[in-house]
């Protein structure tokens, strides 16, 4: 028998969920008011979005509007002002 006989699909098993973040602990530990709330909103955005490896360009542009290229105003590559690169 060559190669061990497995089909390799067991390595693609679903990953266990990440441990939950203790936001209450951070709110009491961080001195700057509102900082933890801001991070919680941003991490919520990342937690609920489609994984990057499954996104289309349209999905990416919805989640991160700054990635959308303006092909009407800048019809030639790189489709944005040179000074912004």
PDB file of N, CA and C in Angstrom:
ATOM      1  N   UNK A   1       0.833  -1.177   0.000  1.00  0.00           N
ATOM      2  CA  UNK A   1       0.000   0.000   0.000  1.00  0.00           C
ATOM      3  C   UNK A   1       0.883   1.247   0.000  1.00  0.00           C
ATOM      4  N   UNK A   2       0.647   2.133  -0.920  1.00  0.00           N
ATOM      5  CA  UNK A   2       1.453   3.342  -1.022  1.00  0.00           C
ATOM      6  C   UNK A   2       0.643   4.536  -0.525  1.00  0.00           C
ATOM      7  N   UNK A   3       1.269   5.427   0.239  1.00  0.00           N
ATOM      8  CA  UNK A   3       0.631   6.678   0.628  1.00  0.00           C
ATOM      9  C   UNK A   3      -0.215   6.617   1.883  1.00  0.00           C
ATOM     10  N   UNK A   4      -0.346   5.499   2.544  1.00  0.00           N
ATOM     11  CA  UNK A   4      -1.056   5.435   3.806  1.00  0.00           C
ATOM     12  C   UNK A   4      -2.541   5.150   3.706  1.00  0.00           C
ATOM     13  N   UNK A   5      -3.152   5.228   2.549  1.00  0.00           N
ATOM     14  CA  UNK A   5      -4.529   4.809   2.368  1.00  0.00           C
ATOM     15  C   UNK A   5      -5.601   5.812   2.757  1.00  0.00           C
ATOM     16  N   UNK A   6      -5.289   6.934   3.394  1.00  0.00           N
ATOM     17  CA  UNK A   6      -6.318   7.911   3.778  1.00  0.00           C
ATOM     18  C   UNK A   6      -6.625   8.861   2.631  1.00  0.00           C
ATOM     19  N   UNK A   7      -7.803   9.437   2.660  1.00  0.00           N
ATOM     20  CA  UNK A   7      -8.154  10.368   1.594  1.00  0.00           C
ATOM     21  C   UNK A   7      -7.893  11.820   1.964  1.00  0.00           C
ATOM     22  N   UNK A   8      -7.450  12.100   3.188  1.00  0.00           N
ATOM     23  CA  UNK A   8      -7.068  13.441   3.569  1.00  0.00           C
ATOM     24  C   UNK A   8      -8.217  14.344   3.978  1.00  0.00           C
ATOM     25  N   UNK A   9      -9.468  13.864   3.896  1.00  0.00           N
ATOM     26  CA  UNK A   9     -10.600  14.710   4.226  1.00  0.00           C
ATOM     27  C   UNK A   9     -10.727  14.959   5.724  1.00  0.00           C
ATOM     28  N   UNK A  10     -10.123  14.094   6.533  1.00  0.00           N
ATOM     29  CA  UNK A  10     -10.198  14.318   7.972  1.00  0.00           C
ATOM     30  C   UNK A  10      -9.450  15.573   8.371  1.00  0.00           C
ATOM     31  N   UNK A  11      -8.457  15.994   7.578  1.00  0.00           N
ATOM     32  CA  UNK A  11      -7.723  17.210   7.899  1.00  0.00           C
ATOM     33  C   UNK A  11      -8.545  18.460   7.603  1.00  0.00           C
ATOM     34  N   UNK A  12      -9.645  18.323   6.842  1.00  0.00           N
ATOM     35  CA  UNK A  12     -10.492  19.452   6.497  1.00  0.00           C
ATOM     36  C   UNK A  12     -11.695  19.591   7.424  1.00  0.00           C
ATOM     37  N   UNK A  13     -11.660  18.891   8.564  1.00  0.00           N
ATOM     38  CA  UNK A  13     -12.775  18.965   9.515  1.00  0.00           C
ATOM     39  C   UNK A  13     -12.950  20.398   9.991  1.00  0.00           C
ATOM     40  N   UNK A  14     -14.171  20.730  10.369  1.00  0.00           N
ATOM     41  CA  UNK A  14     -14.487  22.088  10.797  1.00  0.00           C
ATOM     42  C   UNK A  14     -13.706  22.455  12.053  1.00  0.00           C
ATOM     43  N   UNK A  15     -13.184  23.676  12.076  1.00  0.00           N
ATOM     44  CA  UNK A  15     -12.403  24.143  13.220  1.00  0.00           C
ATOM     45  C   UNK A  15     -13.337  24.420  14.397  1.00  0.00           C
ATOM     46  N   UNK A  16     -12.848  24.189  15.611  1.00  0.00           N
ATOM     47  CA  UNK A  16     -13.684  24.527  16.772  1.00  0.00           C
ATOM     48  C   UNK A  16     -13.845  26.040  16.875  1.00  0.00           C
ATOM     49  N   UNK A  17     -14.955  26.531  17.447  1.00  0.00           N
ATOM     50  CA  UNK A  17     -15.155  27.978  17.547  1.00  0.00           C
ATOM     51  C   UNK A  17     -14.123  28.617  18.471  1.00  0.00           C
ATOM     52  N   UNK A  18     -13.800  29.873  18.201  1.00  0.00           N
ATOM     53  CA  UNK A  18     -12.863  30.618  19.040  1.00  0.00           C
ATOM     54  C   UNK A  18     -13.502  30.877  20.396  1.00  0.00           C
ATOM     55  N   UNK A  19     -12.680  30.995  21.441  1.00  0.00           N
ATOM     56  CA  UNK A  19     -13.254  31.305  22.758  1.00  0.00           C
ATOM     57  C   UNK A  19     -13.877  32.700  22.743  1.00  0.00           C
ATOM     58  N   UNK A  20     -14.935  32.873  23.504  1.00  0.00           N
ATOM     59  CA  UNK A  20     -15.630  34.162  23.555  1.00  0.00           C
ATOM     60  C   UNK A  20     -14.769  35.199  24.259  1.00  0.00           C
ATOM     61  N   UNK A  21     -14.886  36.463  23.827  1.00  0.00           N
ATOM     62  CA  UNK A  21     -14.141  37.560  24.441  1.00  0.00           C
ATOM     63  C   UNK A  21     -14.946  38.072  25.627  1.00  0.00           C
ATOM     64  N   UNK A  22     -14.274  38.268  26.755  1.00  0.00           N
ATOM     65  CA  UNK A  22     -14.917  38.763  27.969  1.00  0.00           C
ATOM     66  C   UNK A  22     -14.924  40.292  27.931  1.00  0.00           C
ATOM     67  N   UNK A  23     -15.954  40.868  27.278  1.00  0.00           N
ATOM     68  CA  UNK A  23     -16.019  42.327  27.090  1.00  0.00           C
ATOM     69  C   UNK A  23     -16.181  43.055  28.412  1.00  0.00           C
ATOM     70  N   UNK A  24     -16.905  42.471  29.370  1.00  0.00           N
ATOM     71  CA  UNK A  24     -17.116  43.126  30.670  1.00  0.00           C
ATOM     72  C   UNK A  24     -15.774  43.322  31.379  1.00  0.00           C
ATOM     73  N   UNK A  25     -14.913  42.316  31.316  1.00  0.00           N
ATOM     74  CA  UNK A  25     -13.593  42.418  31.936  1.00  0.00           C
ATOM     75  C   UNK A  25     -12.774  43.534  31.295  1.00  0.00           C
ATOM     76  N   UNK A  26     -12.803  43.620  29.965  1.00  0.00           N
ATOM     77  CA  UNK A  26     -12.051  44.664  29.276  1.00  0.00           C
ATOM     78  C   UNK A  26     -12.599  46.055  29.593  1.00  0.00           C
ATOM     79  N   UNK A  27     -13.943  46.174  29.724  1.00  0.00           N
ATOM     80  CA  UNK A  27     -14.544  47.482  30.024  1.00  0.00           C
ATOM     81  C   UNK A  27     -14.106  47.989  31.395  1.00  0.00           C
ATOM     82  N   UNK A  28     -13.878  47.090  32.344  1.00  0.00           N
ATOM     83  CA  UNK A  28     -13.425  47.513  33.668  1.00  0.00           C
ATOM     84  C   UNK A  28     -11.919  47.730  33.696  1.00  0.00           C
ATOM     85  N   UNK A  29     -11.170  47.061  32.825  1.00  0.00           N
ATOM     86  CA  UNK A  29      -9.707  47.149  32.856  1.00  0.00           C
ATOM     87  C   UNK A  29      -9.139  48.302  32.021  1.00  0.00           C
ATOM     88  N   UNK A  30      -9.826  48.705  30.962  1.00  0.00           N
ATOM     89  CA  UNK A  30      -9.321  49.746  30.074  1.00  0.00           C
ATOM     90  C   UNK A  30      -9.774  51.110  30.584  1.00  0.00           C
ATOM     91  N   UNK A  31      -8.816  52.025  30.723  1.00  0.00           N
ATOM     92  CA  UNK A  31      -9.106  53.320  31.327  1.00  0.00           C
ATOM     93  C   UNK A  31      -9.883  54.265  30.397  1.00  0.00           C
ATOM     94  N   UNK A  32      -9.620  54.221  29.087  1.00  0.00           N
ATOM     95  CA  UNK A  32     -10.258  55.161  28.162  1.00  0.00           C
ATOM     96  C   UNK A  32     -11.705  54.746  27.902  1.00  0.00           C
ATOM     97  N   UNK A  33     -12.635  55.628  28.244  1.00  0.00           N
ATOM     98  CA  UNK A  33     -14.061  55.327  28.091  1.00  0.00           C
ATOM     99  C   UNK A  33     -14.433  55.196  26.616  1.00  0.00           C
ATOM    100  N   UNK A  34     -15.240  54.204  26.293  1.00  0.00           N
ATOM    101  CA  UNK A  34     -15.728  54.019  24.928  1.00  0.00           C
ATOM    102  C   UNK A  34     -14.805  53.227  24.024  1.00  0.00           C
ATOM    103  N   UNK A  35     -13.577  53.018  24.427  1.00  0.00           N
ATOM    104  CA  UNK A  35     -12.608  52.311  23.577  1.00  0.00           C
ATOM    105  C   UNK A  35     -13.015  50.852  23.369  1.00  0.00           C
ATOM    106  N   UNK A  36     -13.423  50.194  24.434  1.00  0.00           N
ATOM    107  CA  UNK A  36     -13.811  48.785  24.341  1.00  0.00           C
ATOM    108  C   UNK A  36     -15.090  48.640  23.512  1.00  0.00           C
ATOM    109  N   UNK A  37     -16.043  49.578  23.690  1.00  0.00           N
ATOM    110  CA  UNK A  37     -17.277  49.530  22.895  1.00  0.00           C
ATOM    111  C   UNK A  37     -16.966  49.636  21.408  1.00  0.00           C
ATOM    112  N   UNK A  38     -16.017  50.513  21.061  1.00  0.00           N
ATOM    113  CA  UNK A  38     -15.623  50.681  19.658  1.00  0.00           C
ATOM    114  C   UNK A  38     -15.012  49.394  19.104  1.00  0.00           C
ATOM    115  N   UNK A  39     -14.115  48.772  19.881  1.00  0.00           N
ATOM    116  CA  UNK A  39     -13.503  47.516  19.444  1.00  0.00           C
ATOM    117  C   UNK A  39     -14.539  46.407  19.334  1.00  0.00           C
ATOM    118  N   UNK A  40     -15.492  46.387  20.261  1.00  0.00           N
ATOM    119  CA  UNK A  40     -16.523  45.346  20.238  1.00  0.00           C
ATOM    120  C   UNK A  40     -17.358  45.452  18.962  1.00  0.00           C
ATOM    121  N   UNK A  41     -17.704  46.683  18.553  1.00  0.00           N
ATOM    122  CA  UNK A  41     -18.457  46.871  17.312  1.00  0.00           C
ATOM    123  C   UNK A  41     -17.632  46.422  16.108  1.00  0.00           C
ATOM    124  N   UNK A  42     -16.332  46.782  16.104  1.00  0.00           N
ATOM    125  CA  UNK A  42     -15.476  46.406  14.975  1.00  0.00           C
ATOM    126  C   UNK A  42     -15.287  44.896  14.924  1.00  0.00           C
ATOM    127  N   UNK A  43     -15.042  44.194  16.096  1.00  0.00           N
ATOM    128  CA  UNK A  43     -14.858  42.765  16.103  1.00  0.00           C
ATOM    129  C   UNK A  43     -16.132  42.073  15.732  1.00  0.00           C
ATOM    130  N   UNK A  44     -17.303  42.685  16.064  1.00  0.00           N
ATOM    131  CA  UNK A  44     -18.590  42.097  15.677  1.00  0.00           C
ATOM    132  C   UNK A  44     -18.701  42.072  14.155  1.00  0.00           C
ATOM    133  N   UNK A  45     -18.224  43.155  13.509  1.00  0.00           N
ATOM    134  CA  UNK A  45     -18.236  43.227  12.048  1.00  0.00           C
ATOM    135  C   UNK A  45     -17.422  42.076  11.464  1.00  0.00           C
ATOM    136  N   UNK A  46     -16.246  41.830  12.014  1.00  0.00           N
ATOM    137  CA  UNK A  46     -15.390  40.760  11.504  1.00  0.00           C
ATOM    138  C   UNK A  46     -15.960  39.382  11.830  1.00  0.00           C
ATOM    139  N   UNK A  47     -16.648  39.269  12.966  1.00  0.00           N
ATOM    140  CA  UNK A  47     -17.180  37.969  13.371  1.00  0.00           C
ATOM    141  C   UNK A  47     -18.344  37.542  12.483  1.00  0.00           C
ATOM    142  N   UNK A  48     -19.137  38.512  12.011  1.00  0.00           N
ATOM    143  CA  UNK A  48     -20.332  38.173  11.252  1.00  0.00           C
ATOM    144  C   UNK A  48     -20.126  38.189   9.739  1.00  0.00           C
ATOM    145  N   UNK A  49     -18.977  38.669   9.261  1.00  0.00           N
ATOM    146  CA  UNK A  49     -18.796  38.743   7.810  1.00  0.00           C
ATOM    147  C   UNK A  49     -18.407  37.389   7.218  1.00  0.00           C
ATOM    148  N   UNK A  50     -18.518  37.279   5.907  1.00  0.00           N
ATOM    149  CA  UNK A  50     -18.131  36.071   5.177  1.00  0.00           C
ATOM    150  C   UNK A  50     -16.607  35.910   5.291  1.00  0.00           C
ATOM    151  N   UNK A  51     -16.099  34.700   5.487  1.00  0.00           N
ATOM    152  CA  UNK A  51     -14.641  34.519   5.535  1.00  0.00           C
ATOM    153  C   UNK A  51     -13.984  35.014   4.242  1.00  0.00           C
ATOM    154  N   UNK A  52     -12.800  35.592   4.369  1.00  0.00           N
ATOM    155  CA  UNK A  52     -12.111  36.184   3.222  1.00  0.00           C
ATOM    156  C   UNK A  52     -11.940  35.211   2.066  1.00  0.00           C
ATOM    157  N   UNK A  53     -11.644  33.953   2.360  1.00  0.00           N
ATOM    158  CA  UNK A  53     -11.404  32.992   1.282  1.00  0.00           C
ATOM    159  C   UNK A  53     -12.680  32.586   0.545  1.00  0.00           C
ATOM    160  N   UNK A  54     -13.851  33.026   1.024  1.00  0.00           N
ATOM    161  CA  UNK A  54     -15.109  32.723   0.350  1.00  0.00           C
ATOM    162  C   UNK A  54     -15.751  33.965  -0.257  1.00  0.00           C
ATOM    163  N   UNK A  55     -15.104  35.123  -0.113  1.00  0.00           N
ATOM    164  CA  UNK A  55     -15.668  36.385  -0.616  1.00  0.00           C
ATOM    165  C   UNK A  55     -15.466  36.548  -2.110  1.00  0.00           C
ATOM    166  N   UNK A  56     -16.432  37.214  -2.732  1.00  0.00           N
ATOM    167  CA  UNK A  56     -16.242  37.709  -4.096  1.00  0.00           C
ATOM    168  C   UNK A  56     -15.765  39.154  -3.965  1.00  0.00           C
ATOM    169  N   UNK A  57     -15.378  39.775  -5.091  1.00  0.00           N
ATOM    170  CA  UNK A  57     -14.961  41.173  -5.023  1.00  0.00           C
ATOM    171  C   UNK A  57     -16.123  42.065  -4.574  1.00  0.00           C
ATOM    172  N   UNK A  58     -17.339  41.718  -4.965  1.00  0.00           N
ATOM    173  CA  UNK A  58     -18.507  42.496  -4.552  1.00  0.00           C
ATOM    174  C   UNK A  58     -18.703  42.422  -3.039  1.00  0.00           C
ATOM    175  N   UNK A  59     -18.518  41.229  -2.457  1.00  0.00           N
ATOM    176  CA  UNK A  59     -18.621  41.072  -1.006  1.00  0.00           C
ATOM    177  C   UNK A  59     -17.557  41.904  -0.303  1.00  0.00           C
ATOM    178  N   UNK A  60     -16.342  41.874  -0.830  1.00  0.00           N
ATOM    179  CA  UNK A  60     -15.242  42.647  -0.246  1.00  0.00           C
ATOM    180  C   UNK A  60     -15.550  44.135  -0.278  1.00  0.00           C
ATOM    181  N   UNK A  61     -16.090  44.615  -1.396  1.00  0.00           N
ATOM    182  CA  UNK A  61     -16.406  46.036  -1.519  1.00  0.00           C
ATOM    183  C   UNK A  61     -17.542  46.459  -0.591  1.00  0.00           C
ATOM    184  N   UNK A  62     -18.477  45.540  -0.297  1.00  0.00           N
ATOM    185  CA  UNK A  62     -19.554  45.861   0.647  1.00  0.00           C
ATOM    186  C   UNK A  62     -19.019  46.005   2.064  1.00  0.00           C
ATOM    187  N   UNK A  63     -18.153  45.079   2.470  1.00  0.00           N
ATOM    188  CA  UNK A  63     -17.629  45.086   3.832  1.00  0.00           C
ATOM    189  C   UNK A  63     -16.585  46.189   4.010  1.00  0.00           C
ATOM    190  N   UNK A  64     -15.741  46.391   3.010  1.00  0.00           N
ATOM    191  CA  UNK A  64     -14.685  47.400   3.049  1.00  0.00           C
ATOM    192  C   UNK A  64     -14.836  48.330   1.848  1.00  0.00           C
ATOM    193  N   UNK A  65     -15.680  49.371   1.953  1.00  0.00           N
ATOM    194  CA  UNK A  65     -15.956  50.246   0.807  1.00  0.00           C
ATOM    195  C   UNK A  65     -14.708  50.926   0.246  1.00  0.00           C
ATOM    196  N   UNK A  66     -13.677  51.090   1.053  1.00  0.00           N
ATOM    197  CA  UNK A  66     -12.459  51.755   0.569  1.00  0.00           C
ATOM    198  C   UNK A  66     -11.710  50.928  -0.477  1.00  0.00           C
ATOM    199  N   UNK A  67     -12.077  49.658  -0.652  1.00  0.00           N
ATOM    200  CA  UNK A  67     -11.409  48.811  -1.651  1.00  0.00           C
ATOM    201  C   UNK A  67     -12.032  48.925  -3.036  1.00  0.00           C
ATOM    202  N   UNK A  68     -13.189  49.582  -3.143  1.00  0.00           N
ATOM    203  CA  UNK A  68     -13.871  49.698  -4.436  1.00  0.00           C
ATOM    204  C   UNK A  68     -13.087  50.626  -5.367  1.00  0.00           C
ATOM    205  N   UNK A  69     -12.837  50.171  -6.571  1.00  0.00           N
ATOM    206  CA  UNK A  69     -12.106  50.954  -7.562  1.00  0.00           C
ATOM    207  C   UNK A  69     -13.081  51.822  -8.347  1.00  0.00           C
ATOM    208  N   UNK A  70     -12.696  53.070  -8.602  1.00  0.00           N
ATOM    209  CA  UNK A  70     -13.544  54.005  -9.339  1.00  0.00           C
ATOM    210  C   UNK A  70     -13.144  53.966 -10.812  1.00  0.00           C
ATOM    211  N   UNK A  71     -13.758  53.053 -11.554  1.00  0.00           N
ATOM    212  CA  UNK A  71     -13.394  52.863 -12.963  1.00  0.00           C
ATOM    213  C   UNK A  71     -13.999  53.920 -13.871  1.00  0.00           C
ATOM    214  N   UNK A  72     -14.979  54.692 -13.383  1.00  0.00           N
ATOM    215  CA  UNK A  72     -15.543  55.771 -14.197  1.00  0.00           C
ATOM    216  C   UNK A  72     -14.660  57.009 -14.145  1.00  0.00           C
ATOM    217  N   UNK A  73     -14.252  57.394 -12.939  1.00  0.00           N
ATOM    218  CA  UNK A  73     -13.410  58.577 -12.786  1.00  0.00           C
ATOM    219  C   UNK A  73     -11.978  58.301 -13.236  1.00  0.00           C
ATOM    220  N   UNK A  74     -11.486  57.091 -12.961  1.00  0.00           N
ATOM    221  CA  UNK A  74     -10.127  56.677 -13.347  1.00  0.00           C
ATOM    222  C   UNK A  74     -10.243  55.432 -14.220  1.00  0.00           C
ATOM    223  N   UNK A  75     -10.481  55.587 -15.537  1.00  0.00           N
ATOM    224  CA  UNK A  75     -10.765  54.428 -16.402  1.00  0.00           C
ATOM    225  C   UNK A  75      -9.568  53.503 -16.632  1.00  0.00           C
ATOM    226  N   UNK A  76      -8.360  53.949 -16.338  1.00  0.00           N
ATOM    227  CA  UNK A  76      -7.170  53.127 -16.579  1.00  0.00           C
ATOM    228  C   UNK A  76      -6.587  52.640 -15.271  1.00  0.00           C
ATOM    229  N   UNK A  77      -5.964  51.462 -15.351  1.00  0.00           N
ATOM    230  CA  UNK A  77      -5.336  50.876 -14.181  1.00  0.00           C
ATOM    231  C   UNK A  77      -4.327  51.849 -13.610  1.00  0.00           C
ATOM    232  N   UNK A  78      -4.223  52.046 -12.323  1.00  0.00           N
ATOM    233  CA  UNK A  78      -4.768  51.282 -11.207  1.00  0.00           C
ATOM    234  C   UNK A  78      -6.142  51.727 -10.708  1.00  0.00           C
ATOM    235  N   UNK A  79      -6.886  52.506 -11.466  1.00  0.00           N
ATOM    236  CA  UNK A  79      -8.250  52.934 -11.158  1.00  0.00           C
ATOM    237  C   UNK A  79      -8.360  53.726  -9.854  1.00  0.00           C
ATOM    238  N   UNK A  80      -7.299  54.407  -9.486  1.00  0.00           N
ATOM    239  CA  UNK A  80      -7.296  55.308  -8.354  1.00  0.00           C
ATOM    240  C   UNK A  80      -6.136  56.287  -8.519  1.00  0.00           C
ATOM    241  N   UNK A  81      -6.149  57.419  -7.833  1.00  0.00           N
ATOM    242  CA  UNK A  81      -5.057  58.374  -7.997  1.00  0.00           C
ATOM    243  C   UNK A  81      -3.721  57.769  -7.585  1.00  0.00           C
ATOM    244  N   UNK A  82      -2.675  58.111  -8.303  1.00  0.00           N
ATOM    245  CA  UNK A  82      -1.331  57.582  -8.005  1.00  0.00           C
ATOM    246  C   UNK A  82      -0.901  57.933  -6.595  1.00  0.00           C
ATOM    247  N   UNK A  83      -1.239  59.134  -6.137  1.00  0.00           N
ATOM    248  CA  UNK A  83      -0.816  59.541  -4.785  1.00  0.00           C
ATOM    249  C   UNK A  83      -1.483  58.728  -3.677  1.00  0.00           C
ATOM    250  N   UNK A  84      -2.570  58.010  -3.986  1.00  0.00           N
ATOM    251  CA  UNK A  84      -3.232  57.172  -2.992  1.00  0.00           C
ATOM    252  C   UNK A  84      -2.611  55.775  -2.885  1.00  0.00           C
ATOM    253  N   UNK A  85      -1.708  55.435  -3.789  1.00  0.00           N
ATOM    254  CA  UNK A  85      -1.124  54.089  -3.771  1.00  0.00           C
ATOM    255  C   UNK A  85      -0.069  53.922  -2.724  1.00  0.00           C
TER     256      UNK A  85
END
